[in-house]
N, C-alpha and C. Protein backbone atom coordinates (compact mmCIF):
# COMPACT_ATOMS: atom_id res chain seq x y z
N UNK A 1 34.52 13.04 -47.61
CA UNK A 1 35.85 13.61 -47.85
C UNK A 1 36.24 14.51 -46.68
N UNK A 2 37.43 14.37 -46.19
CA UNK A 2 37.89 15.31 -45.17
C UNK A 2 38.74 16.38 -45.84
N UNK A 3 39.28 17.29 -45.06
CA UNK A 3 39.97 18.43 -45.67
C UNK A 3 41.30 18.07 -46.31
N UNK A 4 41.80 16.87 -46.06
CA UNK A 4 43.04 16.45 -46.70
C UNK A 4 42.80 15.94 -48.12
N UNK A 5 41.54 15.73 -48.48
CA UNK A 5 41.24 15.40 -49.86
C UNK A 5 41.02 13.92 -50.14
N UNK A 6 40.91 13.08 -49.11
CA UNK A 6 40.54 11.69 -49.35
C UNK A 6 39.49 11.28 -48.32
N UNK A 7 38.68 10.30 -48.68
CA UNK A 7 37.60 9.90 -47.80
C UNK A 7 38.17 9.13 -46.61
N UNK A 8 37.52 9.30 -45.47
CA UNK A 8 37.93 8.60 -44.26
C UNK A 8 36.73 7.81 -43.78
N UNK A 9 36.86 6.51 -43.71
CA UNK A 9 35.75 5.72 -43.18
C UNK A 9 35.88 5.66 -41.66
N UNK A 10 34.81 5.31 -40.95
CA UNK A 10 34.84 5.37 -39.47
C UNK A 10 35.94 4.53 -38.84
N UNK A 11 36.20 3.34 -39.39
CA UNK A 11 37.25 2.50 -38.80
C UNK A 11 38.62 3.13 -38.98
N UNK A 12 38.84 3.80 -40.11
CA UNK A 12 40.12 4.47 -40.33
C UNK A 12 40.26 5.68 -39.42
N UNK A 13 39.15 6.40 -39.22
CA UNK A 13 39.17 7.57 -38.35
C UNK A 13 39.46 7.16 -36.90
N UNK A 14 38.99 5.98 -36.52
CA UNK A 14 39.21 5.51 -35.15
C UNK A 14 40.66 5.10 -34.94
N UNK A 15 41.36 4.73 -36.01
CA UNK A 15 42.76 4.34 -35.92
C UNK A 15 43.56 5.14 -36.94
N UNK A 16 43.83 6.41 -36.67
CA UNK A 16 44.43 7.30 -37.67
C UNK A 16 45.83 6.90 -38.10
N UNK A 17 46.52 6.09 -37.30
CA UNK A 17 47.88 5.72 -37.66
C UNK A 17 47.94 4.44 -38.48
N UNK A 18 46.79 3.81 -38.70
CA UNK A 18 46.75 2.60 -39.52
C UNK A 18 46.27 3.00 -40.90
N UNK A 19 47.15 2.90 -41.87
CA UNK A 19 46.83 3.32 -43.23
C UNK A 19 46.52 2.11 -44.10
N UNK A 20 45.68 2.29 -45.10
CA UNK A 20 45.47 1.21 -46.06
C UNK A 20 46.79 0.81 -46.71
N UNK A 21 46.92 -0.44 -47.05
CA UNK A 21 48.19 -0.96 -47.56
C UNK A 21 48.66 -0.20 -48.80
N UNK A 22 47.73 0.15 -49.69
CA UNK A 22 48.13 0.83 -50.92
C UNK A 22 48.73 2.19 -50.63
N UNK A 23 48.14 2.91 -49.67
CA UNK A 23 48.67 4.23 -49.31
C UNK A 23 50.02 4.08 -48.63
N UNK A 24 50.14 3.07 -47.78
CA UNK A 24 51.40 2.82 -47.08
C UNK A 24 52.50 2.45 -48.08
N UNK A 25 52.13 1.63 -49.07
CA UNK A 25 53.09 1.24 -50.10
C UNK A 25 53.55 2.44 -50.91
N UNK A 26 52.60 3.30 -51.28
CA UNK A 26 52.95 4.49 -52.05
C UNK A 26 53.87 5.40 -51.24
N UNK A 27 53.57 5.55 -49.96
CA UNK A 27 54.40 6.38 -49.09
C UNK A 27 55.80 5.79 -48.96
N UNK A 28 55.87 4.47 -48.80
CA UNK A 28 57.16 3.81 -48.66
C UNK A 28 58.00 3.97 -49.93
N UNK A 29 57.35 3.84 -51.09
CA UNK A 29 58.07 4.01 -52.36
C UNK A 29 58.59 5.44 -52.49
N UNK A 30 57.76 6.40 -52.11
CA UNK A 30 58.16 7.80 -52.17
C UNK A 30 59.32 8.08 -51.22
N UNK A 31 59.24 7.55 -50.01
CA UNK A 31 60.29 7.75 -49.02
C UNK A 31 61.60 7.12 -49.49
N UNK A 32 61.51 5.96 -50.10
CA UNK A 32 62.71 5.28 -50.60
C UNK A 32 63.35 6.09 -51.72
N UNK A 33 62.52 6.61 -52.62
CA UNK A 33 63.03 7.43 -53.72
C UNK A 33 63.67 8.70 -53.17
N UNK A 34 63.02 9.33 -52.18
CA UNK A 34 63.55 10.54 -51.57
C UNK A 34 64.89 10.24 -50.89
N UNK A 35 64.98 9.11 -50.20
CA UNK A 35 66.20 8.71 -49.52
C UNK A 35 67.33 8.53 -50.54
N UNK A 36 67.02 7.92 -51.68
CA UNK A 36 68.03 7.71 -52.72
C UNK A 36 68.52 9.05 -53.25
N UNK A 37 67.60 9.99 -53.47
CA UNK A 37 67.98 11.31 -53.96
C UNK A 37 68.86 12.05 -52.95
N UNK A 38 68.57 11.87 -51.67
CA UNK A 38 69.37 12.52 -50.62
C UNK A 38 70.74 11.87 -50.50
N UNK A 39 70.81 10.59 -50.80
CA UNK A 39 72.05 9.84 -50.62
C UNK A 39 73.09 10.24 -51.67
N UNK A 40 72.67 10.55 -52.87
CA UNK A 40 73.60 10.83 -53.96
C UNK A 40 74.49 12.04 -53.68
N UNK A 41 73.94 13.21 -53.31
CA UNK A 41 74.83 14.34 -52.99
C UNK A 41 75.73 14.05 -51.78
N UNK A 42 75.22 13.31 -50.82
CA UNK A 42 76.01 12.96 -49.65
C UNK A 42 77.22 12.11 -50.05
N UNK A 43 77.02 11.18 -50.96
CA UNK A 43 78.12 10.35 -51.44
C UNK A 43 79.13 11.19 -52.22
N UNK A 44 78.63 12.13 -53.02
CA UNK A 44 79.53 13.01 -53.77
C UNK A 44 80.40 13.83 -52.82
N UNK A 45 79.78 14.37 -51.77
CA UNK A 45 80.53 15.16 -50.79
C UNK A 45 81.59 14.30 -50.10
N UNK A 46 81.22 13.05 -49.79
CA UNK A 46 82.14 12.14 -49.13
C UNK A 46 83.33 11.81 -50.04
N UNK A 47 83.06 11.58 -51.31
CA UNK A 47 84.13 11.25 -52.26
C UNK A 47 85.03 12.45 -52.53
N UNK A 48 84.46 13.65 -52.50
CA UNK A 48 85.23 14.86 -52.76
C UNK A 48 86.11 15.25 -51.57
N UNK A 49 85.71 14.81 -50.39
CA UNK A 49 86.44 15.21 -49.18
C UNK A 49 87.81 14.52 -49.09
């Protein structure tokens, strides 16, 4: 376990920017949800203007 709280195997440590597919998928889903949440107030402001 490293200090971020998940285990890092040697191949992953050698390529820190290559994430396992499941982690990448979870991050992508979170980013998409965050983007949707950010989009709603922006649309409201645009419609109110």
